[in-house]
């Protein structure tokens, strides 16, 4: 699963998304944070050791939904 960033029109921010299934991970974030998020998503996807450590620290949860 590849991840990409796109500049948001008429704003100074970027969007992080998966072009295969069109899922958005960040709607409006800075360029630096977008790059960090893509690195995190790739690490969770590709590194078994990182994925196991990450899930153990977060208790199996990746994100909380905001109301």
PDB file of N, CA and C in Angstrom:
ATOM      1  N   UNK A   1       0.837  -1.187   0.000  1.00  0.00           N
ATOM      2  CA  UNK A   1       0.000   0.000   0.000  1.00  0.00           C
ATOM      3  C   UNK A   1       0.880   1.248   0.000  1.00  0.00           C
ATOM      4  N   UNK A   2       0.890   2.006  -1.053  1.00  0.00           N
ATOM      5  CA  UNK A   2       1.666   3.239  -1.059  1.00  0.00           C
ATOM      6  C   UNK A   2       0.907   4.371  -0.378  1.00  0.00           C
ATOM      7  N   UNK A   3       1.633   5.347   0.075  1.00  0.00           N
ATOM      8  CA  UNK A   3       1.032   6.536   0.678  1.00  0.00           C
ATOM      9  C   UNK A   3       1.564   7.751  -0.055  1.00  0.00           C
ATOM     10  N   UNK A   4       0.727   8.753  -0.249  1.00  0.00           N
ATOM     11  CA  UNK A   4       1.121   9.954  -0.974  1.00  0.00           C
ATOM     12  C   UNK A   4       0.656  11.198  -0.239  1.00  0.00           C
ATOM     13  N   UNK A   5       1.263  12.328  -0.614  1.00  0.00           N
ATOM     14  CA  UNK A   5       0.821  13.623  -0.093  1.00  0.00           C
ATOM     15  C   UNK A   5       0.430  14.501  -1.267  1.00  0.00           C
ATOM     16  N   UNK A   6      -0.516  15.385  -1.012  1.00  0.00           N
ATOM     17  CA  UNK A   6      -0.922  16.372  -2.004  1.00  0.00           C
ATOM     18  C   UNK A   6      -1.113  17.701  -1.316  1.00  0.00           C
ATOM     19  N   UNK A   7      -0.775  18.752  -2.009  1.00  0.00           N
ATOM     20  CA  UNK A   7      -1.013  20.097  -1.488  1.00  0.00           C
ATOM     21  C   UNK A   7      -2.502  20.388  -1.581  1.00  0.00           C
ATOM     22  N   UNK A   8      -3.063  20.960  -0.526  1.00  0.00           N
ATOM     23  CA  UNK A   8      -4.478  21.329  -0.503  1.00  0.00           C
ATOM     24  C   UNK A   8      -4.630  22.674  -1.211  1.00  0.00           C
ATOM     25  N   UNK A   9      -5.615  22.768  -2.087  1.00  0.00           N
ATOM     26  CA  UNK A   9      -5.831  24.006  -2.843  1.00  0.00           C
ATOM     27  C   UNK A   9      -6.139  25.188  -1.925  1.00  0.00           C
ATOM     28  N   UNK A  10      -5.563  26.325  -2.250  1.00  0.00           N
ATOM     29  CA  UNK A  10      -5.801  27.600  -1.555  1.00  0.00           C
ATOM     30  C   UNK A  10      -5.475  27.557  -0.070  1.00  0.00           C
ATOM     31  N   UNK A  11      -4.610  26.654   0.349  1.00  0.00           N
ATOM     32  CA  UNK A  11      -4.189  26.563   1.749  1.00  0.00           C
ATOM     33  C   UNK A  11      -2.707  26.239   1.807  1.00  0.00           C
ATOM     34  N   UNK A  12      -2.134  26.476   2.969  1.00  0.00           N
ATOM     35  CA  UNK A  12      -0.732  26.130   3.166  1.00  0.00           C
ATOM     36  C   UNK A  12      -0.632  24.825   3.941  1.00  0.00           C
ATOM     37  N   UNK A  13      -1.244  23.768   3.440  1.00  0.00           N
ATOM     38  CA  UNK A  13      -1.202  22.493   4.138  1.00  0.00           C
ATOM     39  C   UNK A  13      -1.257  21.337   3.141  1.00  0.00           C
ATOM     40  N   UNK A  14      -1.049  20.131   3.644  1.00  0.00           N
ATOM     41  CA  UNK A  14      -0.949  18.945   2.818  1.00  0.00           C
ATOM     42  C   UNK A  14      -1.898  17.859   3.322  1.00  0.00           C
ATOM     43  N   UNK A  15      -2.242  16.941   2.403  1.00  0.00           N
ATOM     44  CA  UNK A  15      -3.139  15.830   2.706  1.00  0.00           C
ATOM     45  C   UNK A  15      -2.349  14.544   2.524  1.00  0.00           C
ATOM     46  N   UNK A  16      -2.470  13.605   3.469  1.00  0.00           N
ATOM     47  CA  UNK A  16      -1.828  12.300   3.373  1.00  0.00           C
ATOM     48  C   UNK A  16      -2.924  11.286   3.076  1.00  0.00           C
ATOM     49  N   UNK A  17      -2.724  10.495   2.010  1.00  0.00           N
ATOM     50  CA  UNK A  17      -3.770   9.555   1.614  1.00  0.00           C
ATOM     51  C   UNK A  17      -3.168   8.311   0.981  1.00  0.00           C
ATOM     52  N   UNK A  18      -4.024   7.291   0.838  1.00  0.00           N
ATOM     53  CA  UNK A  18      -3.663   6.061   0.161  1.00  0.00           C
ATOM     54  C   UNK A  18      -4.340   6.090  -1.211  1.00  0.00           C
ATOM     55  N   UNK A  19      -3.583   6.122  -2.299  1.00  0.00           N
ATOM     56  CA  UNK A  19      -4.202   6.241  -3.617  1.00  0.00           C
ATOM     57  C   UNK A  19      -4.945   4.984  -4.066  1.00  0.00           C
ATOM     58  N   UNK A  20      -4.673   3.840  -3.455  1.00  0.00           N
ATOM     59  CA  UNK A  20      -5.328   2.596  -3.855  1.00  0.00           C
ATOM     60  C   UNK A  20      -6.774   2.567  -3.384  1.00  0.00           C
ATOM     61  N   UNK A  21      -6.988   2.796  -2.086  1.00  0.00           N
ATOM     62  CA  UNK A  21      -8.356   2.734  -1.563  1.00  0.00           C
ATOM     63  C   UNK A  21      -8.916   4.103  -1.197  1.00  0.00           C
ATOM     64  N   UNK A  22      -8.195   5.185  -1.497  1.00  0.00           N
ATOM     65  CA  UNK A  22      -8.638   6.572  -1.303  1.00  0.00           C
ATOM     66  C   UNK A  22      -8.870   6.951   0.160  1.00  0.00           C
ATOM     67  N   UNK A  23      -8.275   6.220   1.095  1.00  0.00           N
ATOM     68  CA  UNK A  23      -8.420   6.549   2.515  1.00  0.00           C
ATOM     69  C   UNK A  23      -7.501   7.721   2.873  1.00  0.00           C
ATOM     70  N   UNK A  24      -8.048   8.701   3.578  1.00  0.00           N
ATOM     71  CA  UNK A  24      -7.292   9.882   3.984  1.00  0.00           C
ATOM     72  C   UNK A  24      -6.839   9.728   5.432  1.00  0.00           C
ATOM     73  N   UNK A  25      -5.564  10.003   5.686  1.00  0.00           N
ATOM     74  CA  UNK A  25      -5.009   9.896   7.025  1.00  0.00           C
ATOM     75  C   UNK A  25      -4.781  11.260   7.663  1.00  0.00           C
ATOM     76  N   UNK A  26      -4.591  12.298   6.859  1.00  0.00           N
ATOM     77  CA  UNK A  26      -4.441  13.657   7.367  1.00  0.00           C
ATOM     78  C   UNK A  26      -5.047  14.600   6.339  1.00  0.00           C
ATOM     79  N   UNK A  27      -5.936  15.472   6.789  1.00  0.00           N
ATOM     80  CA  UNK A  27      -6.625  16.369   5.862  1.00  0.00           C
ATOM     81  C   UNK A  27      -5.872  17.668   5.634  1.00  0.00           C
ATOM     82  N   UNK A  28      -5.320  18.243   6.669  1.00  0.00           N
ATOM     83  CA  UNK A  28      -4.602  19.512   6.528  1.00  0.00           C
ATOM     84  C   UNK A  28      -3.494  19.556   7.569  1.00  0.00           C
ATOM     85  N   UNK A  29      -2.285  19.264   7.130  1.00  0.00           N
ATOM     86  CA  UNK A  29      -1.149  19.243   8.038  1.00  0.00           C
ATOM     87  C   UNK A  29       0.055  19.871   7.345  1.00  0.00           C
ATOM     88  N   UNK A  30       1.071  20.174   8.109  1.00  0.00           N
ATOM     89  CA  UNK A  30       2.266  20.787   7.537  1.00  0.00           C
ATOM     90  C   UNK A  30       3.057  19.745   6.748  1.00  0.00           C
ATOM     91  N   UNK A  31       3.966  20.212   5.923  1.00  0.00           N
ATOM     92  CA  UNK A  31       4.773  19.325   5.091  1.00  0.00           C
ATOM     93  C   UNK A  31       5.606  18.380   5.954  1.00  0.00           C
ATOM     94  N   UNK A  32       6.203  18.914   7.036  1.00  0.00           N
ATOM     95  CA  UNK A  32       7.040  18.093   7.898  1.00  0.00           C
ATOM     96  C   UNK A  32       6.222  17.006   8.584  1.00  0.00           C
ATOM     97  N   UNK A  33       5.045  17.353   9.075  1.00  0.00           N
ATOM     98  CA  UNK A  33       4.201  16.373   9.743  1.00  0.00           C
ATOM     99  C   UNK A  33       3.671  15.336   8.763  1.00  0.00           C
ATOM    100  N   UNK A  34       3.408  15.732   7.539  1.00  0.00           N
ATOM    101  CA  UNK A  34       2.944  14.798   6.521  1.00  0.00           C
ATOM    102  C   UNK A  34       4.020  13.761   6.215  1.00  0.00           C
ATOM    103  N   UNK A  35       5.260  14.209   6.113  1.00  0.00           N
ATOM    104  CA  UNK A  35       6.362  13.285   5.858  1.00  0.00           C
ATOM    105  C   UNK A  35       6.529  12.326   7.030  1.00  0.00           C
ATOM    106  N   UNK A  36       6.428  12.841   8.258  1.00  0.00           N
ATOM    107  CA  UNK A  36       6.534  11.991   9.442  1.00  0.00           C
ATOM    108  C   UNK A  36       5.425  10.948   9.475  1.00  0.00           C
ATOM    109  N   UNK A  37       4.214  11.358   9.128  1.00  0.00           N
ATOM    110  CA  UNK A  37       3.094  10.434   9.149  1.00  0.00           C
ATOM    111  C   UNK A  37       3.256   9.347   8.103  1.00  0.00           C
ATOM    112  N   UNK A  38       3.740   9.689   6.924  1.00  0.00           N
ATOM    113  CA  UNK A  38       3.964   8.673   5.894  1.00  0.00           C
ATOM    114  C   UNK A  38       5.022   7.674   6.344  1.00  0.00           C
ATOM    115  N   UNK A  39       6.065   8.159   7.005  1.00  0.00           N
ATOM    116  CA  UNK A  39       7.096   7.253   7.521  1.00  0.00           C
ATOM    117  C   UNK A  39       6.514   6.312   8.567  1.00  0.00           C
ATOM    118  N   UNK A  40       5.647   6.833   9.445  1.00  0.00           N
ATOM    119  CA  UNK A  40       5.013   6.006  10.461  1.00  0.00           C
ATOM    120  C   UNK A  40       4.113   4.955   9.822  1.00  0.00           C
ATOM    121  N   UNK A  41       3.302   5.348   8.858  1.00  0.00           N
ATOM    122  CA  UNK A  41       2.405   4.401   8.184  1.00  0.00           C
ATOM    123  C   UNK A  41       3.181   3.297   7.477  1.00  0.00           C
ATOM    124  N   UNK A  42       4.283   3.667   6.832  1.00  0.00           N
ATOM    125  CA  UNK A  42       5.108   2.658   6.156  1.00  0.00           C
ATOM    126  C   UNK A  42       5.772   1.726   7.156  1.00  0.00           C
ATOM    127  N   UNK A  43       6.205   2.252   8.297  1.00  0.00           N
ATOM    128  CA  UNK A  43       6.830   1.417   9.322  1.00  0.00           C
ATOM    129  C   UNK A  43       5.825   0.429   9.896  1.00  0.00           C
ATOM    130  N   UNK A  44       4.606   0.884  10.167  1.00  0.00           N
ATOM    131  CA  UNK A  44       3.572  -0.008  10.697  1.00  0.00           C
ATOM    132  C   UNK A  44       3.251  -1.093   9.679  1.00  0.00           C
ATOM    133  N   UNK A  45       3.229  -0.740   8.418  1.00  0.00           N
ATOM    134  CA  UNK A  45       2.873  -1.686   7.376  1.00  0.00           C
ATOM    135  C   UNK A  45       3.988  -2.699   7.108  1.00  0.00           C
ATOM    136  N   UNK A  46       5.233  -2.246   7.044  1.00  0.00           N
ATOM    137  CA  UNK A  46       6.317  -3.086   6.538  1.00  0.00           C
ATOM    138  C   UNK A  46       7.193  -3.741   7.593  1.00  0.00           C
ATOM    139  N   UNK A  47       7.303  -3.158   8.770  1.00  0.00           N
ATOM    140  CA  UNK A  47       8.225  -3.673   9.776  1.00  0.00           C
ATOM    141  C   UNK A  47       7.476  -4.446  10.852  1.00  0.00           C
ATOM    142  N   UNK A  48       7.652  -5.755  10.862  1.00  0.00           N
ATOM    143  CA  UNK A  48       6.963  -6.594  11.843  1.00  0.00           C
ATOM    144  C   UNK A  48       7.416  -6.259  13.266  1.00  0.00           C
ATOM    145  N   UNK A  49       8.710  -6.026  13.444  1.00  0.00           N
ATOM    146  CA  UNK A  49       9.240  -5.696  14.765  1.00  0.00           C
ATOM    147  C   UNK A  49       8.666  -4.361  15.261  1.00  0.00           C
ATOM    148  N   UNK A  50       8.645  -3.354  14.403  1.00  0.00           N
ATOM    149  CA  UNK A  50       8.093  -2.058  14.779  1.00  0.00           C
ATOM    150  C   UNK A  50       6.607  -2.169  15.078  1.00  0.00           C
ATOM    151  N   UNK A  51       5.865  -2.910  14.254  1.00  0.00           N
ATOM    152  CA  UNK A  51       4.423  -3.059  14.421  1.00  0.00           C
ATOM    153  C   UNK A  51       4.103  -3.697  15.769  1.00  0.00           C
ATOM    154  N   UNK A  52       4.832  -4.727  16.144  1.00  0.00           N
ATOM    155  CA  UNK A  52       4.593  -5.390  17.427  1.00  0.00           C
ATOM    156  C   UNK A  52       4.895  -4.465  18.602  1.00  0.00           C
ATOM    157  N   UNK A  53       5.974  -3.701  18.521  1.00  0.00           N
ATOM    158  CA  UNK A  53       6.318  -2.758  19.586  1.00  0.00           C
ATOM    159  C   UNK A  53       5.303  -1.626  19.660  1.00  0.00           C
ATOM    160  N   UNK A  54       4.861  -1.130  18.524  1.00  0.00           N
ATOM    161  CA  UNK A  54       3.911  -0.021  18.484  1.00  0.00           C
ATOM    162  C   UNK A  54       2.571  -0.430  19.077  1.00  0.00           C
ATOM    163  N   UNK A  55       2.083  -1.612  18.711  1.00  0.00           N
ATOM    164  CA  UNK A  55       0.800  -2.088  19.230  1.00  0.00           C
ATOM    165  C   UNK A  55       0.878  -2.384  20.727  1.00  0.00           C
ATOM    166  N   UNK A  56       2.021  -2.860  21.193  1.00  0.00           N
ATOM    167  CA  UNK A  56       2.171  -3.160  22.613  1.00  0.00           C
ATOM    168  C   UNK A  56       2.120  -1.868  23.438  1.00  0.00           C
ATOM    169  N   UNK A  57       2.699  -0.796  22.907  1.00  0.00           N
ATOM    170  CA  UNK A  57       2.731   0.473  23.633  1.00  0.00           C
ATOM    171  C   UNK A  57       1.364   1.158  23.658  1.00  0.00           C
ATOM    172  N   UNK A  58       0.607   1.006  22.577  1.00  0.00           N
ATOM    173  CA  UNK A  58      -0.673   1.699  22.483  1.00  0.00           C
ATOM    174  C   UNK A  58      -1.836   0.816  22.932  1.00  0.00           C
ATOM    175  N   UNK A  59      -1.567  -0.421  23.265  1.00  0.00           N
ATOM    176  CA  UNK A  59      -2.623  -1.310  23.694  1.00  0.00           C
ATOM    177  C   UNK A  59      -3.512  -1.793  22.550  1.00  0.00           C
ATOM    178  N   UNK A  60      -2.947  -1.836  21.327  1.00  0.00           N
ATOM    179  CA  UNK A  60      -3.702  -2.301  20.171  1.00  0.00           C
ATOM    180  C   UNK A  60      -4.517  -1.230  19.483  1.00  0.00           C
ATOM    181  N   UNK A  61      -4.588  -0.037  20.084  1.00  0.00           N
ATOM    182  CA  UNK A  61      -5.349   1.045  19.487  1.00  0.00           C
ATOM    183  C   UNK A  61      -4.393   1.960  18.734  1.00  0.00           C
ATOM    184  N   UNK A  62      -4.817   2.431  17.590  1.00  0.00           N
ATOM    185  CA  UNK A  62      -3.950   3.320  16.825  1.00  0.00           C
ATOM    186  C   UNK A  62      -4.353   4.779  17.021  1.00  0.00           C
ATOM    187  N   UNK A  63      -5.652   5.068  17.000  1.00  0.00           N
ATOM    188  CA  UNK A  63      -6.109   6.454  17.162  1.00  0.00           C
ATOM    189  C   UNK A  63      -7.467   6.479  17.826  1.00  0.00           C
ATOM    190  N   UNK A  64      -7.732   7.542  18.556  1.00  0.00           N
ATOM    191  CA  UNK A  64      -9.067   7.748  19.108  1.00  0.00           C
ATOM    192  C   UNK A  64      -9.839   8.652  18.168  1.00  0.00           C
ATOM    193  N   UNK A  65     -11.114   8.376  18.000  1.00  0.00           N
ATOM    194  CA  UNK A  65     -11.948   9.246  17.177  1.00  0.00           C
ATOM    195  C   UNK A  65     -12.418  10.410  18.018  1.00  0.00           C
ATOM    196  N   UNK A  66     -12.367  11.589  17.433  1.00  0.00           N
ATOM    197  CA  UNK A  66     -12.836  12.772  18.129  1.00  0.00           C
ATOM    198  C   UNK A  66     -14.321  12.951  17.859  1.00  0.00           C
ATOM    199  N   UNK A  67     -15.043  13.355  18.895  1.00  0.00           N
ATOM    200  CA  UNK A  67     -16.495  13.491  18.811  1.00  0.00           C
ATOM    201  C   UNK A  67     -16.908  14.611  18.004  1.00  0.00           C
TER     202      UNK A  67
END
